[in-house]
N, C-alpha and C. Protein backbone atom coordinates (compact mmCIF):
# COMPACT_ATOMS: atom_id res chain seq x y z
N MET A 1 60.34 118.87 121.60
CA MET A 1 61.56 118.09 121.49
C MET A 1 62.57 118.84 120.64
N SER A 2 63.83 118.66 120.98
CA SER A 2 64.87 119.36 120.25
C SER A 2 65.38 118.50 119.11
N ASP A 3 66.24 119.09 118.29
CA ASP A 3 66.80 118.37 117.15
C ASP A 3 67.82 117.31 117.57
N SER A 4 68.52 117.53 118.67
CA SER A 4 69.63 116.63 119.01
C SER A 4 69.22 115.50 119.95
N THR A 5 68.11 115.59 120.64
CA THR A 5 67.70 114.51 121.53
C THR A 5 66.23 114.19 121.32
N GLU A 6 65.89 112.96 121.57
CA GLU A 6 64.52 112.50 121.57
C GLU A 6 64.32 111.71 122.84
N THR A 7 63.11 111.49 123.25
CA THR A 7 62.88 110.69 124.44
C THR A 7 62.18 109.40 124.05
N LEU A 8 62.53 108.34 124.75
CA LEU A 8 61.90 107.05 124.55
C LEU A 8 60.97 106.76 125.70
N PRO A 9 59.84 106.12 125.44
CA PRO A 9 58.95 105.78 126.55
C PRO A 9 59.59 104.70 127.41
N VAL A 10 59.61 104.92 128.70
CA VAL A 10 60.14 103.97 129.67
C VAL A 10 59.18 103.91 130.84
N PRO A 11 59.32 102.93 131.69
CA PRO A 11 58.44 102.89 132.86
C PRO A 11 58.50 104.20 133.66
N ALA A 12 57.40 104.55 134.28
CA ALA A 12 57.28 105.84 134.97
C ALA A 12 58.30 106.01 136.08
N SER A 13 58.75 104.93 136.66
CA SER A 13 59.68 105.06 137.78
C SER A 13 61.07 105.51 137.33
N GLU A 14 61.40 105.32 136.06
CA GLU A 14 62.75 105.66 135.59
C GLU A 14 62.80 107.02 134.89
N GLY A 15 61.74 107.52 134.40
CA GLY A 15 61.75 108.79 133.70
C GLY A 15 62.15 108.62 132.24
N ALA A 16 62.24 109.72 131.51
CA ALA A 16 62.58 109.69 130.09
C ALA A 16 64.09 109.53 129.92
N VAL A 17 64.48 108.75 128.94
CA VAL A 17 65.90 108.52 128.64
C VAL A 17 66.24 109.27 127.36
N PRO A 18 67.19 110.22 127.40
CA PRO A 18 67.55 110.92 126.17
C PRO A 18 68.34 110.00 125.24
N VAL A 19 68.05 110.12 123.95
CA VAL A 19 68.74 109.35 122.92
C VAL A 19 69.38 110.34 121.96
N LEU A 20 70.69 110.21 121.77
CA LEU A 20 71.37 111.11 120.85
C LEU A 20 71.00 110.76 119.42
N ALA A 21 70.71 111.77 118.63
CA ALA A 21 70.35 111.55 117.24
C ALA A 21 70.89 112.70 116.41
N GLY A 22 70.96 112.48 115.11
CA GLY A 22 71.40 113.53 114.21
C GLY A 22 72.74 113.23 113.60
N PRO A 23 73.17 114.02 112.61
CA PRO A 23 74.40 113.74 111.89
C PRO A 23 75.66 113.87 112.76
N ALA A 24 75.59 114.65 113.83
CA ALA A 24 76.77 114.81 114.67
C ALA A 24 77.11 113.53 115.42
N HIS A 25 76.12 112.66 115.59
CA HIS A 25 76.34 111.43 116.36
C HIS A 25 76.31 110.18 115.50
N ALA A 26 76.28 110.35 114.19
CA ALA A 26 76.30 109.19 113.29
C ALA A 26 77.70 108.59 113.27
N PRO A 27 77.81 107.26 113.05
CA PRO A 27 79.15 106.66 113.00
C PRO A 27 79.96 107.22 111.83
N ALA A 28 81.25 107.36 112.07
CA ALA A 28 82.13 107.91 111.03
C ALA A 28 82.25 106.92 109.87
N GLN A 29 82.19 107.43 108.66
CA GLN A 29 82.33 106.59 107.49
C GLN A 29 83.53 107.07 106.69
N HIS A 30 84.22 106.10 106.08
CA HIS A 30 85.39 106.43 105.29
C HIS A 30 84.96 106.88 103.90
N ALA A 31 85.78 107.72 103.32
CA ALA A 31 85.50 108.18 101.97
C ALA A 31 85.68 107.04 100.98
N HIS A 32 84.75 106.90 100.06
CA HIS A 32 84.84 105.85 99.04
C HIS A 32 85.84 106.29 97.98
N PRO A 33 86.70 105.38 97.51
CA PRO A 33 87.70 105.76 96.50
C PRO A 33 87.04 106.24 95.21
N GLN A 34 87.71 107.14 94.54
CA GLN A 34 87.22 107.65 93.26
C GLN A 34 87.54 106.65 92.15
N PRO A 35 86.80 106.70 91.02
CA PRO A 35 87.06 105.77 89.92
C PRO A 35 88.49 105.83 89.39
N VAL A 36 89.12 107.01 89.43
CA VAL A 36 90.47 107.12 88.92
C VAL A 36 91.43 106.28 89.77
N GLN A 37 91.15 106.14 91.07
CA GLN A 37 92.01 105.32 91.92
C GLN A 37 91.91 103.84 91.53
N TYR A 38 90.72 103.40 91.16
CA TYR A 38 90.55 102.02 90.72
C TYR A 38 91.33 101.77 89.42
N VAL A 39 91.31 102.75 88.52
CA VAL A 39 92.04 102.61 87.26
C VAL A 39 93.54 102.55 87.52
N VAL A 40 94.03 103.41 88.41
CA VAL A 40 95.46 103.41 88.73
C VAL A 40 95.87 102.06 89.33
N ILE A 41 95.07 101.54 90.25
CA ILE A 41 95.38 100.24 90.86
C ILE A 41 95.32 99.16 89.78
N GLY A 42 94.36 99.23 88.87
CA GLY A 42 94.27 98.27 87.77
C GLY A 42 95.51 98.29 86.89
N VAL A 43 96.01 99.48 86.59
CA VAL A 43 97.24 99.60 85.78
C VAL A 43 98.43 99.01 86.53
N VAL A 44 98.52 99.28 87.83
CA VAL A 44 99.62 98.72 88.63
C VAL A 44 99.53 97.19 88.63
N LEU A 45 98.33 96.64 88.75
CA LEU A 45 98.16 95.18 88.72
C LEU A 45 98.57 94.60 87.38
N VAL A 46 98.26 95.29 86.29
CA VAL A 46 98.66 94.82 84.96
C VAL A 46 100.18 94.83 84.83
N ILE A 47 100.81 95.88 85.34
CA ILE A 47 102.28 95.96 85.27
C ILE A 47 102.92 94.84 86.09
N ILE A 48 102.41 94.61 87.28
CA ILE A 48 102.96 93.53 88.12
C ILE A 48 102.75 92.17 87.44
N THR A 49 101.59 91.97 86.82
CA THR A 49 101.33 90.71 86.12
C THR A 49 102.31 90.54 84.96
N ALA A 50 102.58 91.62 84.22
CA ALA A 50 103.55 91.55 83.12
C ALA A 50 104.94 91.20 83.65
N LEU A 51 105.31 91.77 84.79
CA LEU A 51 106.60 91.43 85.41
C LEU A 51 106.65 89.97 85.84
N GLU A 52 105.53 89.46 86.37
CA GLU A 52 105.48 88.05 86.75
C GLU A 52 105.68 87.14 85.55
N ILE A 53 105.04 87.48 84.45
CA ILE A 53 105.19 86.67 83.23
C ILE A 53 106.63 86.74 82.73
N ALA A 54 107.22 87.94 82.77
CA ALA A 54 108.61 88.08 82.32
C ALA A 54 109.56 87.27 83.21
N VAL A 55 109.34 87.31 84.51
CA VAL A 55 110.19 86.56 85.44
C VAL A 55 110.03 85.06 85.22
N SER A 56 108.83 84.62 84.90
CA SER A 56 108.62 83.18 84.70
C SER A 56 109.35 82.66 83.46
N TYR A 57 109.67 83.55 82.52
CA TYR A 57 110.40 83.14 81.32
C TYR A 57 111.92 83.25 81.46
N VAL A 58 112.38 83.81 82.57
CA VAL A 58 113.82 83.96 82.79
C VAL A 58 114.43 82.58 83.01
N ASP A 59 115.59 82.35 82.40
CA ASP A 59 116.27 81.08 82.55
C ASP A 59 116.77 80.93 83.98
N GLU A 60 116.60 79.75 84.56
CA GLU A 60 117.01 79.49 85.94
C GLU A 60 118.50 79.70 86.14
N LYS A 61 119.28 79.47 85.11
CA LYS A 61 120.73 79.61 85.23
C LYS A 61 121.15 81.07 85.35
N THR A 62 120.28 81.99 84.92
CA THR A 62 120.61 83.41 84.96
C THR A 62 120.62 83.94 86.40
N ILE A 63 119.52 83.71 87.12
CA ILE A 63 119.44 84.25 88.48
C ILE A 63 119.19 83.18 89.54
N GLY A 64 118.91 81.98 89.16
CA GLY A 64 118.69 80.91 90.12
C GLY A 64 117.21 80.71 90.44
N PRO A 65 116.82 79.48 90.66
CA PRO A 65 115.40 79.19 90.89
C PRO A 65 114.86 79.78 92.18
N ASN A 66 115.70 79.89 93.20
CA ASN A 66 115.23 80.45 94.47
C ASN A 66 114.87 81.92 94.33
N TRP A 67 115.64 82.67 93.56
CA TRP A 67 115.33 84.08 93.35
C TRP A 67 114.06 84.25 92.52
N ILE A 68 113.84 83.38 91.58
CA ILE A 68 112.61 83.43 90.77
C ILE A 68 111.40 83.19 91.67
N ILE A 69 111.49 82.18 92.51
CA ILE A 69 110.39 81.87 93.42
C ILE A 69 110.15 83.03 94.37
N LEU A 70 111.22 83.62 94.91
CA LEU A 70 111.08 84.75 95.82
C LEU A 70 110.43 85.94 95.12
N MET A 71 110.87 86.27 93.91
CA MET A 71 110.31 87.41 93.18
C MET A 71 108.83 87.19 92.87
N LEU A 72 108.49 85.98 92.41
CA LEU A 72 107.09 85.69 92.11
C LEU A 72 106.23 85.72 93.37
N GLY A 73 106.77 85.24 94.47
CA GLY A 73 106.03 85.26 95.73
C GLY A 73 105.77 86.67 96.22
N VAL A 74 106.78 87.53 96.15
CA VAL A 74 106.62 88.92 96.58
C VAL A 74 105.60 89.63 95.70
N MET A 75 105.68 89.43 94.39
CA MET A 75 104.71 90.08 93.50
C MET A 75 103.29 89.56 93.75
N ALA A 76 103.16 88.29 94.06
CA ALA A 76 101.84 87.73 94.36
C ALA A 76 101.27 88.35 95.63
N VAL A 77 102.10 88.54 96.64
CA VAL A 77 101.64 89.15 97.89
C VAL A 77 101.23 90.61 97.65
N VAL A 78 101.99 91.33 96.86
CA VAL A 78 101.64 92.72 96.55
C VAL A 78 100.31 92.79 95.81
N LYS A 79 100.13 91.92 94.82
CA LYS A 79 98.86 91.91 94.08
C LYS A 79 97.69 91.54 94.99
N PHE A 80 97.90 90.53 95.83
CA PHE A 80 96.85 90.12 96.76
C PHE A 80 96.45 91.28 97.67
N THR A 81 97.44 91.98 98.20
CA THR A 81 97.17 93.10 99.09
C THR A 81 96.41 94.22 98.38
N LEU A 82 96.81 94.53 97.16
CA LEU A 82 96.12 95.58 96.42
C LEU A 82 94.67 95.20 96.12
N VAL A 83 94.46 93.97 95.69
CA VAL A 83 93.09 93.54 95.35
C VAL A 83 92.21 93.53 96.59
N VAL A 84 92.72 92.99 97.68
CA VAL A 84 91.92 92.90 98.90
C VAL A 84 91.63 94.28 99.48
N SER A 85 92.64 95.14 99.51
CA SER A 85 92.43 96.44 100.14
C SER A 85 91.60 97.39 99.29
N TRP A 86 91.72 97.35 97.97
CA TRP A 86 90.99 98.29 97.13
C TRP A 86 89.71 97.71 96.53
N TYR A 87 89.81 96.58 95.86
CA TYR A 87 88.63 96.06 95.15
C TYR A 87 87.67 95.33 96.07
N MET A 88 88.17 94.79 97.17
CA MET A 88 87.28 94.15 98.14
C MET A 88 86.96 95.13 99.28
N HIS A 89 87.43 96.37 99.18
CA HIS A 89 87.12 97.48 100.08
C HIS A 89 87.55 97.23 101.52
N LEU A 90 88.54 96.38 101.73
CA LEU A 90 89.00 96.14 103.08
C LEU A 90 89.66 97.39 103.66
N LYS A 91 90.18 98.22 102.80
CA LYS A 91 90.83 99.46 103.24
C LYS A 91 89.83 100.40 103.91
N THR A 92 88.60 100.41 103.42
CA THR A 92 87.59 101.33 103.96
C THR A 92 86.62 100.65 104.92
N ASP A 93 86.79 99.35 105.18
CA ASP A 93 85.91 98.65 106.11
C ASP A 93 86.29 98.97 107.55
N SER A 94 85.43 98.54 108.44
CA SER A 94 85.70 98.77 109.86
C SER A 94 86.86 97.90 110.33
N ARG A 95 87.42 98.27 111.45
CA ARG A 95 88.54 97.52 112.00
C ARG A 95 88.14 96.09 112.34
N THR A 96 86.91 95.91 112.78
CA THR A 96 86.45 94.57 113.15
C THR A 96 86.48 93.64 111.95
N LEU A 97 85.98 94.10 110.80
CA LEU A 97 85.99 93.26 109.60
C LEU A 97 87.41 92.98 109.14
N ARG A 98 88.28 93.99 109.24
CA ARG A 98 89.68 93.79 108.89
C ARG A 98 90.33 92.74 109.78
N ARG A 99 90.02 92.79 111.07
CA ARG A 99 90.61 91.82 112.00
C ARG A 99 90.10 90.41 111.72
N PHE A 100 88.82 90.27 111.41
CA PHE A 100 88.29 88.94 111.06
C PHE A 100 88.98 88.40 109.81
N PHE A 101 89.18 89.25 108.81
CA PHE A 101 89.84 88.82 107.59
C PHE A 101 91.28 88.40 107.87
N ILE A 102 92.00 89.22 108.62
CA ILE A 102 93.40 88.91 108.93
C ILE A 102 93.49 87.65 109.79
N LEU A 103 92.56 87.47 110.71
CA LEU A 103 92.54 86.26 111.53
C LEU A 103 92.34 85.01 110.66
N GLY A 104 91.40 85.07 109.73
CA GLY A 104 91.16 83.94 108.83
C GLY A 104 92.35 83.67 107.92
N LEU A 105 92.94 84.74 107.40
CA LEU A 105 94.12 84.59 106.54
C LEU A 105 95.29 83.99 107.30
N THR A 106 95.52 84.46 108.51
CA THR A 106 96.59 83.92 109.34
C THR A 106 96.35 82.45 109.66
N GLY A 107 95.12 82.11 110.00
CA GLY A 107 94.78 80.71 110.27
C GLY A 107 95.00 79.82 109.06
N ALA A 108 94.63 80.32 107.89
CA ALA A 108 94.83 79.54 106.66
C ALA A 108 96.31 79.34 106.37
N LEU A 109 97.12 80.38 106.57
CA LEU A 109 98.56 80.26 106.34
C LEU A 109 99.21 79.29 107.33
N ILE A 110 98.77 79.33 108.58
CA ILE A 110 99.31 78.40 109.58
C ILE A 110 98.93 76.97 109.21
N LEU A 111 97.67 76.76 108.82
CA LEU A 111 97.22 75.42 108.42
C LEU A 111 98.00 74.93 107.19
N PHE A 112 98.19 75.81 106.21
CA PHE A 112 98.95 75.44 105.01
C PHE A 112 100.37 75.05 105.38
N THR A 113 100.99 75.82 106.27
CA THR A 113 102.36 75.53 106.68
C THR A 113 102.45 74.18 107.39
N ILE A 114 101.51 73.91 108.28
CA ILE A 114 101.51 72.63 108.99
C ILE A 114 101.35 71.47 108.02
N VAL A 115 100.41 71.58 107.09
CA VAL A 115 100.19 70.50 106.12
C VAL A 115 101.42 70.32 105.24
N ALA A 116 102.02 71.41 104.78
CA ALA A 116 103.22 71.32 103.93
C ALA A 116 104.37 70.66 104.69
N LEU A 117 104.55 71.01 105.97
CA LEU A 117 105.62 70.41 106.75
C LEU A 117 105.37 68.92 107.01
N VAL A 118 104.12 68.56 107.27
CA VAL A 118 103.80 67.15 107.49
C VAL A 118 104.02 66.35 106.21
N LEU A 119 103.57 66.88 105.08
CA LEU A 119 103.78 66.17 103.82
C LEU A 119 105.26 66.10 103.47
N HIS A 120 106.03 67.12 103.80
CA HIS A 120 107.46 67.10 103.54
C HIS A 120 108.15 66.05 104.43
N ALA A 121 107.64 65.88 105.64
CA ALA A 121 108.24 64.89 106.54
C ALA A 121 108.05 63.48 105.98
N PHE A 122 106.95 63.26 105.28
CA PHE A 122 106.68 61.93 104.72
C PHE A 122 107.13 61.81 103.27
N GLN A 123 107.73 62.85 102.71
CA GLN A 123 108.13 62.85 101.30
C GLN A 123 109.07 61.69 100.92
N PRO A 124 110.10 61.39 101.69
CA PRO A 124 110.98 60.29 101.26
C PRO A 124 110.25 58.96 101.12
N ALA A 125 109.26 58.72 101.95
CA ALA A 125 108.52 57.45 101.86
C ALA A 125 107.70 57.37 100.58
N TYR A 126 107.19 58.50 100.11
CA TYR A 126 106.36 58.50 98.91
C TYR A 126 107.17 58.58 97.63
N ASN A 127 108.31 59.25 97.69
CA ASN A 127 109.07 59.49 96.47
C ASN A 127 110.30 58.60 96.35
N HIS A 128 110.36 57.55 97.12
CA HIS A 128 111.51 56.67 97.07
C HIS A 128 111.50 55.88 95.76
N VAL A 129 112.57 56.03 95.00
CA VAL A 129 112.69 55.32 93.73
C VAL A 129 113.86 54.34 93.87
N PRO A 130 113.58 53.03 93.84
CA PRO A 130 114.68 52.08 93.97
C PRO A 130 115.59 52.12 92.75
N ARG A 131 116.86 51.95 92.96
CA ARG A 131 117.81 51.98 91.85
C ARG A 131 118.38 50.61 91.60
């Protein structure tokens, strides 16, 4: 038998079936990040967190509440993406696992949006304060 193929026992009518084996036919694996990359991402996360805290202390009259919400939301999405892609190793996982994660995340966001819109539709009935 050679290094690159092996034979499996099969019924006599079909003959031997070659099976590819060896490092040339192993599935491709992504390089694991080095520890220094984790430290750099950690420092970036700390900086973004400090910016979030600073933005939360900004007076609403200075830039407006909508801009504060937008800035905090963008920073939260950036932090979420960094944590998921690096610390949860989604960046180096297979495409199938990435697609399952994105499908679940998309479903959760759609469900959240539907619930928020339904609750907003009923908001006047719940928050009605007689004068």
